[in-house]
Amino acid sequence: MRPRLLASRWLRASRKFAGAGLALGILIGGPAWIWYSGWAERTLERVYLQTLEATARVGFAVTDVRASGRRETSRKQVLAALGLRIGQPIFAFDPYRAKAGLERLAWVKTAIVERRLPDTVLVSIIERIPMALWQRNGKLALIDREGVIIQKHGLARFADLPVVVGDDAPALAPDLLRILRTQPKLFRRVEAMVRVGGRRWDLRMKNGITVRLPEQNVDRAWARLAEAEHRQKLLRRDVILIDLRLGDRMVVRIAPDAMRRRVAGKDT
């Protein structure tokens, strides 16, 4: 076979293989290029947004937000936490993200967020219940029944709540309060609850008397004091200290002025 004929055939075969290789490369590498270039992602996002806008035009847009259970949380705060605007496509609204936003608000303990098609967002809120004022480093903060800080300012309207003092007081106060509330009349006389040595509590009564509670069996000690108050009106006497730490014994310290008056009375 002549050399010129062989070269011609080899050239035609090379072109065929080259064409096939180019086509194969496009098939394999084309989708990757489309993806990594961002073209597909941008196209899908554009289609998604156009679809949402189309649903809004036929009535699936937010026109009403109904919130229940809020007393301390303003409507403005609710709307801001939801992250929505009136008129936006309702399918673009994420209830789970909105729930998380609401539960970051100071007064909101739990929230339920639902879409009611075609145009309404329903919000149900359970707010925190104030338990006490936590005093730390000379400053007060409002805490709930789980020891969570609600707010640090605007506390004047909560002045009737008891004060708890101590670094670990917020976490431990709920258990103590459950015991103190078993004697409502006596509990109303409590002004502050102070942690002592990270082990036990002292109570400061509204008339200035200090009540030392034991580490264990606080409920029994509190019941004994309630009984003593009922029978002897102990908290109305010239007492400055009541110590309940000694089991069934109760140690009472009289005010110095009252003691001097008693001594003077005996001498006359």
Protein backbone atom coordinates (compact mmCIF):
# COMPACT_ATOMS: atom_id res chain seq x y z
CA MET A 1 0.00 0.00 0.00
CA ARG A 2 1.33 3.38 -0.90
CA PRO A 3 2.49 5.72 1.95
CA ARG A 4 0.16 8.57 0.87
CA LEU A 5 -2.96 6.34 1.12
CA LEU A 6 -1.97 5.11 4.61
CA ALA A 7 -1.50 8.67 5.86
CA SER A 8 -4.91 9.67 4.52
CA ARG A 9 -6.68 6.82 6.32
CA TRP A 10 -4.84 7.52 9.59
CA LEU A 11 -5.88 11.20 9.43
CA ARG A 12 -9.57 10.34 8.95
CA ALA A 13 -9.48 7.87 11.91
CA SER A 14 -7.79 10.43 14.14
CA ARG A 15 -10.50 12.99 13.38
CA LYS A 16 -13.24 10.50 14.29
CA PHE A 17 -11.58 9.65 17.60
CA ALA A 18 -11.03 13.31 18.36
CA GLY A 19 -14.67 14.12 17.66
CA ALA A 20 -15.87 11.26 19.85
CA GLY A 21 -13.50 12.30 22.63
CA LEU A 22 -14.76 15.88 22.48
CA ALA A 23 -18.39 14.74 22.67
CA LEU A 24 -17.60 12.42 25.57
CA GLY A 25 -15.79 15.22 27.37
CA ILE A 26 -18.78 17.52 27.04
CA LEU A 27 -21.11 14.82 28.34
CA ILE A 28 -18.91 14.09 31.33
CA GLY A 29 -17.51 17.49 32.13
CA GLY A 30 -20.44 19.65 31.05
CA PRO A 31 -22.68 19.02 34.09
CA ALA A 32 -19.72 19.53 36.42
CA TRP A 33 -18.92 22.85 34.78
CA ILE A 34 -22.56 23.92 35.01
CA TRP A 35 -22.67 23.04 38.71
CA TYR A 36 -19.34 24.54 39.75
CA SER A 37 -19.94 27.68 37.77
CA GLY A 38 -23.12 28.29 39.80
CA TRP A 39 -25.31 28.47 36.73
CA ALA A 40 -27.57 25.60 37.79
CA GLU A 41 -27.90 26.88 41.34
CA ARG A 42 -28.79 30.38 40.18
CA THR A 43 -31.30 29.01 37.70
CA LEU A 44 -33.00 26.83 40.32
CA GLU A 45 -33.14 29.73 42.78
CA ARG A 46 -34.67 31.99 40.14
CA VAL A 47 -37.31 29.39 39.30
CA TYR A 48 -38.04 28.88 43.01
CA LEU A 49 -38.54 32.62 43.62
CA GLN A 50 -40.71 32.96 40.54
CA THR A 51 -42.85 30.07 41.75
CA LEU A 52 -43.26 31.68 45.19
CA GLU A 53 -44.28 34.98 43.64
CA ALA A 54 -46.80 33.15 41.46
CA THR A 55 -48.38 31.49 44.54
CA ALA A 56 -48.60 34.88 46.25
CA ARG A 57 -50.43 36.38 43.27
CA VAL A 58 -53.13 33.73 43.52
CA GLY A 59 -53.73 34.33 47.25
CA PHE A 60 -51.02 32.41 49.14
CA ALA A 61 -49.53 35.51 50.76
CA VAL A 62 -49.42 36.52 54.45
CA THR A 63 -52.16 38.99 55.27
CA ASP A 64 -52.73 38.25 58.97
CA VAL A 65 -50.63 37.28 62.01
CA ARG A 66 -52.53 36.09 65.09
CA ALA A 67 -50.61 35.78 68.37
CA SER A 68 -52.08 34.40 71.60
CA GLY A 69 -50.68 34.01 75.10
CA ARG A 70 -48.57 37.15 75.15
CA ARG A 71 -48.79 39.65 78.00
CA GLU A 72 -45.30 41.04 78.39
CA THR A 73 -44.20 40.50 74.79
CA SER A 74 -45.32 43.26 72.40
CA ARG A 75 -46.77 42.61 68.95
CA LYS A 76 -43.86 44.53 67.47
CA GLN A 77 -41.41 42.13 69.16
CA VAL A 78 -43.37 39.13 67.88
CA LEU A 79 -43.36 40.35 64.28
CA ALA A 80 -39.65 41.15 64.41
CA ALA A 81 -38.82 37.72 65.85
CA LEU A 82 -40.95 35.97 63.21
CA GLY A 83 -38.92 37.65 60.48
CA LEU A 84 -41.86 38.09 58.11
CA ARG A 85 -43.62 40.94 56.36
CA ILE A 86 -47.25 41.28 55.45
CA GLY A 87 -47.71 40.37 51.79
CA GLN A 88 -44.81 37.95 51.46
CA PRO A 89 -45.49 34.48 49.99
CA ILE A 90 -46.67 32.26 52.82
CA PHE A 91 -44.67 29.32 51.47
CA ALA A 92 -41.50 31.40 51.90
CA PHE A 93 -42.18 31.64 55.65
CA ASP A 94 -40.31 29.09 57.80
CA PRO A 95 -42.27 28.26 61.00
CA TYR A 96 -39.34 26.41 62.59
CA ARG A 97 -36.96 29.33 62.20
CA ALA A 98 -39.67 31.67 63.46
CA LYS A 99 -40.18 29.50 66.55
CA ALA A 100 -36.47 29.66 67.33
CA GLY A 101 -36.55 33.44 66.94
CA LEU A 102 -39.49 33.82 69.29
CA GLU A 103 -37.91 31.64 71.96
CA ARG A 104 -34.89 33.92 72.02
CA LEU A 105 -37.10 36.72 73.35
CA ALA A 106 -36.64 37.34 77.08
CA TRP A 107 -40.22 36.65 78.17
CA VAL A 108 -40.98 33.74 75.82
CA LYS A 109 -40.53 30.29 77.34
CA THR A 110 -42.02 28.25 74.47
CA ALA A 111 -43.74 29.08 71.20
CA ILE A 112 -45.74 27.25 68.55
CA VAL A 113 -45.84 28.72 65.04
CA GLU A 114 -48.12 27.44 62.27
CA ARG A 115 -49.13 28.41 58.74
CA ARG A 116 -52.86 28.40 58.14
CA LEU A 117 -53.39 28.47 54.42
CA PRO A 118 -53.91 30.47 52.40
CA ASP A 119 -52.83 33.65 54.23
CA THR A 120 -52.54 33.43 58.04
CA VAL A 121 -49.71 32.77 60.51
CA LEU A 122 -50.75 31.53 63.95
CA VAL A 123 -48.51 32.06 66.99
CA SER A 124 -49.10 30.58 70.45
CA ILE A 125 -46.80 31.79 73.23
CA ILE A 126 -46.22 30.59 76.78
CA GLU A 127 -44.42 33.32 78.71
CA ARG A 128 -42.12 32.93 81.68
CA ILE A 129 -43.59 33.40 85.16
CA PRO A 130 -41.55 35.74 87.38
CA MET A 131 -40.36 34.02 90.56
CA ALA A 132 -37.98 36.38 92.34
CA LEU A 133 -35.46 39.16 92.07
CA TRP A 134 -31.89 37.88 92.00
CA GLN A 135 -29.41 40.14 93.76
CA ARG A 136 -25.81 39.81 92.61
CA ASN A 137 -22.97 42.29 92.97
CA GLY A 138 -25.41 44.87 94.23
CA LYS A 139 -27.67 44.63 91.16
CA LEU A 140 -31.06 43.01 90.68
CA ALA A 141 -32.42 40.86 87.86
CA LEU A 142 -35.85 39.33 87.41
CA ILE A 143 -35.76 35.51 87.19
CA ASP A 144 -38.43 32.92 86.41
CA ARG A 145 -39.30 29.66 88.16
CA GLU A 146 -36.43 27.89 86.40
CA GLY A 147 -33.89 30.50 87.43
CA VAL A 148 -33.67 32.02 83.95
CA ILE A 149 -32.99 35.76 83.82
CA ILE A 150 -35.90 37.60 82.21
CA GLN A 151 -34.81 41.21 82.47
CA LYS A 152 -32.51 43.53 84.41
CA HIS A 153 -34.31 46.85 84.02
CA GLY A 154 -37.77 48.19 84.77
CA LEU A 155 -38.10 46.10 87.93
CA ALA A 156 -40.12 48.52 90.08
CA ARG A 157 -43.41 46.73 89.42
CA PHE A 158 -41.90 43.47 90.67
CA ALA A 159 -40.86 44.90 94.03
CA ASP A 160 -43.26 42.58 95.89
CA LEU A 161 -41.36 39.48 94.78
CA PRO A 162 -38.86 37.93 97.20
CA VAL A 163 -35.17 38.62 96.71
CA VAL A 164 -32.69 35.74 96.36
CA VAL A 165 -29.00 36.30 97.03
CA GLY A 166 -26.06 34.11 96.02
CA ASP A 167 -24.31 32.89 92.87
CA ASP A 168 -26.22 29.59 92.87
CA ALA A 169 -29.46 31.07 94.18
CA PRO A 170 -31.41 31.16 90.86
CA ALA A 171 -30.95 27.43 90.23
CA LEU A 172 -31.82 26.39 93.80
CA ALA A 173 -34.50 28.92 94.73
CA PRO A 174 -37.40 27.06 93.00
CA ASP A 175 -37.07 24.09 95.37
CA LEU A 176 -36.97 26.36 98.41
CA LEU A 177 -39.93 28.39 97.20
CA ARG A 178 -42.03 25.24 96.82
CA ILE A 179 -41.41 24.54 100.50
CA LEU A 180 -42.02 28.11 101.65
CA ARG A 181 -45.32 28.30 99.79
CA THR A 182 -46.68 25.40 101.87
CA GLN A 183 -47.13 27.98 104.64
CA PRO A 184 -48.66 30.94 102.75
CA LYS A 185 -49.16 33.26 105.73
CA LEU A 186 -45.57 32.81 106.85
CA PHE A 187 -44.24 33.06 103.31
CA ARG A 188 -45.84 36.48 102.88
CA ARG A 189 -43.50 37.75 105.61
CA VAL A 190 -40.35 36.69 103.72
CA GLU A 191 -38.39 39.53 102.15
CA ALA A 192 -35.21 37.78 100.99
CA MET A 193 -33.60 34.35 100.74
CA VAL A 194 -29.82 34.30 101.11
CA ARG A 195 -27.49 31.41 100.27
CA VAL A 196 -24.94 30.71 102.97
CA GLY A 197 -21.69 28.95 102.12
CA GLY A 198 -23.26 27.25 99.11
CA ARG A 199 -24.93 24.80 101.54
CA ARG A 200 -28.09 26.27 103.01
CA TRP A 201 -30.40 29.31 103.22
CA ASP A 202 -31.04 32.20 105.58
CA LEU A 203 -34.36 33.99 105.36
CA ARG A 204 -34.67 37.70 105.99
CA MET A 205 -38.18 38.55 107.12
CA LYS A 206 -39.87 41.86 106.34
CA ASN A 207 -39.63 42.96 109.99
CA GLY A 208 -35.86 42.40 110.03
CA ILE A 209 -35.74 38.98 111.72
CA THR A 210 -33.25 36.46 110.33
CA VAL A 211 -34.33 32.81 110.12
CA ARG A 212 -31.52 30.27 109.71
CA LEU A 213 -32.69 27.17 107.84
CA PRO A 214 -30.95 23.78 108.09
CA GLU A 215 -29.20 22.03 105.20
CA GLN A 216 -31.59 19.06 105.39
CA ASN A 217 -35.29 18.68 106.22
CA VAL A 218 -36.09 22.29 105.43
CA ASP A 219 -39.77 21.43 105.09
CA ARG A 220 -39.96 20.17 108.69
CA ALA A 221 -38.13 23.19 110.05
CA TRP A 222 -40.41 25.55 108.14
CA ALA A 223 -43.50 23.76 109.45
CA ARG A 224 -42.17 24.07 113.04
CA LEU A 225 -41.72 27.80 112.61
CA ALA A 226 -45.24 28.13 111.22
CA GLU A 227 -46.61 26.28 114.23
CA ALA A 228 -44.61 28.46 116.64
CA GLU A 229 -45.84 31.60 114.92
CA HIS A 230 -49.43 30.36 115.10
CA ARG A 231 -49.23 29.53 118.81
CA GLN A 232 -46.82 32.13 120.17
CA LYS A 233 -46.81 34.98 117.60
CA LEU A 234 -43.03 34.62 117.57
CA LEU A 235 -42.41 36.99 114.67
CA ARG A 236 -44.24 39.79 116.45
CA ARG A 237 -41.94 39.73 119.44
CA ASP A 238 -38.62 41.51 120.03
CA VAL A 239 -36.69 38.82 118.19
CA ILE A 240 -33.73 39.35 115.86
CA LEU A 241 -32.76 35.74 115.09
CA ILE A 242 -34.47 32.33 114.88
CA ASP A 243 -32.17 29.36 114.37
CA LEU A 244 -33.83 26.18 113.03
CA ARG A 245 -30.65 24.21 112.36
CA LEU A 246 -30.66 22.10 115.52
CA GLY A 247 -33.13 19.36 114.73
CA ASP A 248 -36.25 19.69 116.84
CA ARG A 249 -34.83 22.59 118.84
CA MET A 250 -35.44 26.24 118.04
CA VAL A 251 -32.96 28.86 119.21
CA VAL A 252 -34.32 32.40 119.54
CA ARG A 253 -32.20 35.50 120.06
CA ILE A 254 -33.85 38.54 121.60
CA ALA A 255 -32.98 42.08 120.52
CA PRO A 256 -30.43 43.74 122.89
CA ASP A 257 -32.76 46.64 123.69
CA ALA A 258 -35.55 44.28 124.60
CA MET A 259 -33.20 42.24 126.79
CA ARG A 260 -32.08 45.38 128.62
CA ARG A 261 -35.68 46.38 129.18
CA ARG A 262 -36.45 42.97 130.61
CA VAL A 263 -33.44 43.11 132.93
CA ALA A 264 -34.32 46.63 134.03
CA GLY A 265 -37.89 45.53 134.67
CA LYS A 266 -36.72 42.74 136.96
CA ASP A 267 -34.45 45.09 138.93
CA THR A 268 -37.20 47.57 139.76
